[in-house]
Each structure stands twice: as C-alpha cells, then as structure tokens.
C-alpha cells in the first residue's frame, strides 16, 4: 500500500467554491482510477506560524506503486489536477510505503 500526501497553499484569489470543487473532484477519483482505494481531505488547524501557508491537504492510498505511477497520466486525473493547480499556488507531495 502506498500513501500519497499533498499539502496545499491556496492562491490569493481562491474561493471557497473553487477549493470545494478540488475536494469533490479528488474524491470522485476513488473508483474511477484503478488502484486508488481511499481519499481523505482536511483543513489545517495547526497554528498559522507552524503551517507555512499550507491551509489544506489530502491523502490518497493506492494498492501499489504501479497504481500510483498510473494515476498521474490517467484521463480522469488530468482535469482534477488542473483544478488543483488553478486554486493552489504551492503544492508539496510526500509519497511513502505503508
């Protein structure tokens, strides 16, 4: 099992509706992308001085490394990734094996 984590810093003009569209789009990928088995989204409640602007984040669990590798180029992922890039200016990725 592979855990894929992203930390997200919103763009100055990102609206709550745009951010919700990102969350909903990402959630819709479970079942649509082979090997993507779970998704969790959250708003960062750490004190502002500790979060370095990362106000949101999510994790996805993949069955294996091959599933994660196939996720990026998957046709269902591309429009959702574009939404995320449009709403968030800084994105940090952390992938590891569970």
N, C-alpha and C. Protein backbone atom coordinates (compact mmCIF):
# COMPACT_ATOMS: atom_id res chain seq x y z
N UNK A 1 0.86 -1.18 0.00
CA UNK A 1 0.00 0.00 0.00
C UNK A 1 0.90 1.24 0.00
N UNK A 2 0.52 2.20 -0.81
CA UNK A 2 1.26 3.46 -0.95
C UNK A 2 0.36 4.60 -0.48
N UNK A 3 0.90 5.48 0.34
CA UNK A 3 0.18 6.70 0.74
C UNK A 3 0.78 7.89 0.00
N UNK A 4 -0.10 8.65 -0.63
CA UNK A 4 0.23 9.84 -1.44
C UNK A 4 -0.36 11.03 -0.69
N UNK A 5 0.49 11.94 -0.21
CA UNK A 5 0.04 13.09 0.59
C UNK A 5 0.41 14.37 -0.15
N UNK A 6 -0.53 15.30 -0.20
CA UNK A 6 -0.26 16.63 -0.75
C UNK A 6 -0.64 17.68 0.27
N UNK A 7 0.23 18.67 0.44
CA UNK A 7 -0.04 19.86 1.26
C UNK A 7 -0.27 21.01 0.29
N UNK A 8 -1.29 21.82 0.55
CA UNK A 8 -1.76 22.81 -0.42
C UNK A 8 -1.82 24.21 0.18
N UNK A 9 -1.18 25.15 -0.51
CA UNK A 9 -1.26 26.56 -0.13
C UNK A 9 -2.15 27.26 -1.15
N UNK A 10 -3.30 27.79 -0.73
CA UNK A 10 -4.22 28.41 -1.69
C UNK A 10 -3.64 29.66 -2.34
N UNK A 11 -4.07 29.88 -3.57
CA UNK A 11 -3.77 31.14 -4.25
C UNK A 11 -4.57 32.24 -3.57
N UNK A 12 -4.10 33.46 -3.67
CA UNK A 12 -4.76 34.59 -3.01
C UNK A 12 -6.22 34.72 -3.43
N UNK A 13 -6.55 34.43 -4.67
CA UNK A 13 -7.91 34.60 -5.14
C UNK A 13 -8.76 33.34 -5.10
N UNK A 14 -8.26 32.28 -4.51
CA UNK A 14 -9.01 31.01 -4.47
C UNK A 14 -10.26 31.17 -3.61
N UNK A 15 -11.40 30.87 -4.17
CA UNK A 15 -12.67 30.99 -3.44
C UNK A 15 -12.99 29.68 -2.72
N UNK A 16 -13.84 29.74 -1.71
CA UNK A 16 -14.28 28.50 -1.06
C UNK A 16 -14.93 27.52 -2.05
N UNK A 17 -15.66 28.03 -3.04
CA UNK A 17 -16.28 27.16 -4.04
C UNK A 17 -15.23 26.46 -4.89
N UNK A 18 -14.18 27.17 -5.26
CA UNK A 18 -13.10 26.56 -6.06
C UNK A 18 -12.39 25.47 -5.25
N UNK A 19 -12.16 25.75 -3.99
CA UNK A 19 -11.50 24.76 -3.13
C UNK A 19 -12.39 23.54 -2.94
N UNK A 20 -13.69 23.76 -2.76
CA UNK A 20 -14.62 22.63 -2.65
C UNK A 20 -14.67 21.83 -3.94
N UNK A 21 -14.58 22.49 -5.08
CA UNK A 21 -14.54 21.77 -6.35
C UNK A 21 -13.32 20.87 -6.44
N UNK A 22 -12.20 21.33 -5.91
CA UNK A 22 -11.00 20.50 -5.86
C UNK A 22 -11.24 19.26 -5.00
N UNK A 23 -11.79 19.47 -3.82
CA UNK A 23 -12.05 18.35 -2.91
C UNK A 23 -12.99 17.33 -3.56
N UNK A 24 -14.08 17.82 -4.12
CA UNK A 24 -15.06 16.93 -4.74
C UNK A 24 -14.47 16.19 -5.94
N UNK A 25 -13.69 16.90 -6.73
CA UNK A 25 -13.07 16.27 -7.89
C UNK A 25 -12.10 15.17 -7.49
N UNK A 26 -11.30 15.44 -6.48
CA UNK A 26 -10.36 14.43 -5.99
C UNK A 26 -11.10 13.22 -5.42
N UNK A 27 -12.14 13.48 -4.65
CA UNK A 27 -12.92 12.39 -4.06
C UNK A 27 -13.55 11.51 -5.14
N UNK A 28 -13.93 12.12 -6.26
CA UNK A 28 -14.58 11.37 -7.34
C UNK A 28 -13.64 10.40 -8.03
N UNK A 29 -12.34 10.53 -7.80
CA UNK A 29 -11.38 9.65 -8.46
C UNK A 29 -11.33 8.26 -7.85
N UNK A 30 -11.78 8.14 -6.59
CA UNK A 30 -11.83 6.81 -5.96
C UNK A 30 -12.88 6.00 -6.72
N UNK A 31 -12.49 4.86 -7.22
CA UNK A 31 -13.37 4.04 -8.03
C UNK A 31 -13.22 4.30 -9.52
N UNK A 32 -12.78 5.50 -9.88
CA UNK A 32 -12.56 5.83 -11.29
C UNK A 32 -11.13 5.51 -11.74
N UNK A 33 -10.19 5.58 -10.81
CA UNK A 33 -8.79 5.31 -11.11
C UNK A 33 -8.43 3.95 -10.50
N UNK A 34 -8.05 2.98 -11.32
CA UNK A 34 -7.71 1.66 -10.78
C UNK A 34 -6.60 1.74 -9.73
N UNK A 35 -6.82 1.06 -8.62
CA UNK A 35 -5.81 1.01 -7.56
C UNK A 35 -5.89 2.13 -6.55
N UNK A 36 -6.69 3.17 -6.80
CA UNK A 36 -6.89 4.24 -5.82
C UNK A 36 -7.99 3.77 -4.88
N UNK A 37 -7.62 3.47 -3.65
CA UNK A 37 -8.56 2.82 -2.74
C UNK A 37 -9.15 3.73 -1.67
N UNK A 38 -8.53 4.90 -1.41
CA UNK A 38 -9.03 5.75 -0.34
C UNK A 38 -8.57 7.19 -0.54
N UNK A 39 -9.35 8.13 -0.02
CA UNK A 39 -9.06 9.56 -0.13
C UNK A 39 -9.54 10.24 1.14
N UNK A 40 -8.71 11.13 1.67
CA UNK A 40 -9.07 11.95 2.84
C UNK A 40 -8.62 13.39 2.58
N UNK A 41 -9.47 14.33 2.93
CA UNK A 41 -9.21 15.77 2.74
C UNK A 41 -9.36 16.46 4.08
N UNK A 42 -8.55 17.49 4.33
CA UNK A 42 -8.71 18.23 5.56
C UNK A 42 -8.19 19.65 5.46
N UNK A 43 -8.71 20.48 6.36
CA UNK A 43 -8.24 21.86 6.51
C UNK A 43 -7.27 21.87 7.69
N UNK A 44 -6.16 22.52 7.51
CA UNK A 44 -5.10 22.54 8.51
C UNK A 44 -5.51 23.42 9.70
N UNK A 45 -5.54 22.82 10.88
CA UNK A 45 -5.88 23.60 12.07
C UNK A 45 -4.65 23.89 12.94
N UNK A 46 -3.47 23.57 12.44
CA UNK A 46 -2.24 23.91 13.17
C UNK A 46 -2.13 25.44 13.28
N UNK A 47 -1.44 25.93 14.30
CA UNK A 47 -1.27 27.38 14.41
C UNK A 47 -0.61 27.94 13.14
N UNK A 48 -1.04 29.12 12.70
CA UNK A 48 -0.51 29.70 11.46
C UNK A 48 1.02 29.75 11.39
N UNK A 49 1.66 29.98 12.51
CA UNK A 49 3.12 30.07 12.49
C UNK A 49 3.81 28.72 12.24
N UNK A 50 3.04 27.64 12.29
CA UNK A 50 3.62 26.31 12.08
C UNK A 50 3.25 25.69 10.73
N UNK A 51 2.33 26.29 9.99
CA UNK A 51 1.86 25.63 8.76
C UNK A 51 2.45 26.18 7.48
N UNK A 52 3.21 27.26 7.55
CA UNK A 52 3.89 27.83 6.39
C UNK A 52 2.96 28.06 5.19
N UNK A 53 1.72 28.45 5.48
CA UNK A 53 0.77 28.77 4.41
C UNK A 53 -0.02 27.58 3.89
N UNK A 54 0.31 26.38 4.32
CA UNK A 54 -0.41 25.19 3.85
C UNK A 54 -1.71 25.05 4.64
N UNK A 55 -2.79 25.49 4.03
CA UNK A 55 -4.08 25.55 4.72
C UNK A 55 -4.93 24.29 4.50
N UNK A 56 -4.60 23.50 3.48
CA UNK A 56 -5.36 22.30 3.16
C UNK A 56 -4.39 21.17 2.85
N UNK A 57 -4.93 19.98 2.85
CA UNK A 57 -4.13 18.82 2.46
C UNK A 57 -5.02 17.63 2.23
N UNK A 58 -4.46 16.64 1.57
CA UNK A 58 -5.20 15.40 1.38
C UNK A 58 -4.23 14.24 1.27
N UNK A 59 -4.79 13.06 1.50
CA UNK A 59 -4.02 11.84 1.30
C UNK A 59 -4.85 10.88 0.46
N UNK A 60 -4.14 10.07 -0.29
CA UNK A 60 -4.75 9.02 -1.10
C UNK A 60 -3.95 7.75 -0.84
N UNK A 61 -4.65 6.64 -0.77
CA UNK A 61 -3.99 5.35 -0.64
C UNK A 61 -4.15 4.58 -1.94
N UNK A 62 -3.04 4.04 -2.41
CA UNK A 62 -3.01 3.26 -3.64
C UNK A 62 -2.62 1.83 -3.31
N UNK A 63 -3.13 0.90 -4.08
CA UNK A 63 -2.87 -0.51 -3.85
C UNK A 63 -1.38 -0.84 -3.92
N UNK A 64 -0.67 -0.16 -4.83
CA UNK A 64 0.75 -0.44 -5.02
C UNK A 64 1.40 0.72 -5.78
N UNK A 65 2.69 0.63 -5.96
CA UNK A 65 3.45 1.68 -6.64
C UNK A 65 3.01 1.84 -8.10
N UNK A 66 2.70 0.72 -8.75
CA UNK A 66 2.25 0.78 -10.14
C UNK A 66 0.95 1.57 -10.26
N UNK A 67 0.06 1.43 -9.30
CA UNK A 67 -1.20 2.19 -9.30
C UNK A 67 -0.94 3.68 -9.16
N UNK A 68 -0.02 4.05 -8.27
CA UNK A 68 0.34 5.46 -8.11
C UNK A 68 0.97 5.99 -9.40
N UNK A 69 1.85 5.22 -9.99
CA UNK A 69 2.50 5.65 -11.24
C UNK A 69 1.49 5.85 -12.36
N UNK A 70 0.43 5.03 -12.39
CA UNK A 70 -0.59 5.14 -13.44
C UNK A 70 -1.59 6.26 -13.18
N UNK A 71 -1.64 6.76 -11.95
CA UNK A 71 -2.59 7.80 -11.55
C UNK A 71 -2.34 9.12 -12.28
N UNK A 72 -1.11 9.58 -12.35
CA UNK A 72 -0.79 10.87 -12.96
C UNK A 72 -1.28 11.00 -14.39
N UNK A 73 -0.99 10.03 -15.25
CA UNK A 73 -1.44 10.16 -16.65
C UNK A 73 -2.88 9.68 -16.90
N UNK A 74 -3.57 9.22 -15.87
CA UNK A 74 -4.93 8.72 -16.07
C UNK A 74 -5.84 9.85 -16.55
N UNK A 75 -6.68 9.60 -17.55
CA UNK A 75 -7.54 10.67 -18.09
C UNK A 75 -8.48 11.31 -17.06
N UNK A 76 -8.93 10.59 -16.06
CA UNK A 76 -9.81 11.17 -15.04
C UNK A 76 -9.05 12.12 -14.12
N UNK A 77 -7.76 11.90 -13.97
CA UNK A 77 -6.94 12.73 -13.08
C UNK A 77 -6.62 14.10 -13.68
N UNK A 78 -6.42 14.16 -14.97
CA UNK A 78 -5.93 15.40 -15.60
C UNK A 78 -6.80 16.62 -15.35
N UNK A 79 -8.13 16.57 -15.52
CA UNK A 79 -8.92 17.79 -15.25
C UNK A 79 -8.96 18.16 -13.77
N UNK A 80 -8.90 17.16 -12.91
CA UNK A 80 -8.88 17.45 -11.47
C UNK A 80 -7.55 18.09 -11.09
N UNK A 81 -6.47 17.59 -11.63
CA UNK A 81 -5.15 18.17 -11.36
C UNK A 81 -5.11 19.63 -11.83
N UNK A 82 -5.75 19.92 -12.96
CA UNK A 82 -5.80 21.31 -13.45
C UNK A 82 -6.56 22.20 -12.48
N UNK A 83 -7.66 21.70 -11.91
CA UNK A 83 -8.40 22.46 -10.89
C UNK A 83 -7.52 22.76 -9.68
N UNK A 84 -6.81 21.75 -9.23
CA UNK A 84 -5.95 21.91 -8.05
C UNK A 84 -4.86 22.94 -8.35
N UNK A 85 -4.21 22.82 -9.49
CA UNK A 85 -3.15 23.79 -9.83
C UNK A 85 -3.70 25.21 -9.96
N UNK A 86 -4.95 25.35 -10.41
CA UNK A 86 -5.55 26.68 -10.55
C UNK A 86 -5.90 27.31 -9.20
N UNK A 87 -6.15 26.50 -8.19
CA UNK A 87 -6.58 27.00 -6.88
C UNK A 87 -5.46 27.09 -5.86
N UNK A 88 -4.38 26.36 -6.08
CA UNK A 88 -3.30 26.31 -5.09
C UNK A 88 -1.97 26.67 -5.74
N UNK A 89 -1.25 27.60 -5.11
CA UNK A 89 -0.01 28.07 -5.70
C UNK A 89 1.21 27.26 -5.26
N UNK A 90 1.12 26.64 -4.13
CA UNK A 90 2.25 25.85 -3.63
C UNK A 90 1.72 24.49 -3.21
N UNK A 91 2.34 23.45 -3.76
CA UNK A 91 1.91 22.08 -3.50
C UNK A 91 3.14 21.25 -3.18
N UNK A 92 3.08 20.57 -2.06
CA UNK A 92 4.17 19.67 -1.65
C UNK A 92 3.63 18.25 -1.65
N UNK A 93 4.39 17.33 -2.24
CA UNK A 93 3.99 15.93 -2.31
C UNK A 93 4.92 15.09 -1.45
N UNK A 94 4.34 14.13 -0.75
CA UNK A 94 5.10 13.18 0.06
C UNK A 94 4.48 11.81 -0.16
N UNK A 95 5.23 10.88 -0.76
CA UNK A 95 4.76 9.53 -1.02
C UNK A 95 5.58 8.54 -0.20
N UNK A 96 4.92 7.54 0.36
CA UNK A 96 5.66 6.52 1.09
C UNK A 96 4.88 5.21 1.12
N UNK A 97 5.60 4.15 1.43
CA UNK A 97 5.00 2.82 1.54
C UNK A 97 4.49 2.61 2.95
N UNK A 98 3.25 2.12 3.05
CA UNK A 98 2.68 1.81 4.36
C UNK A 98 3.15 0.44 4.81
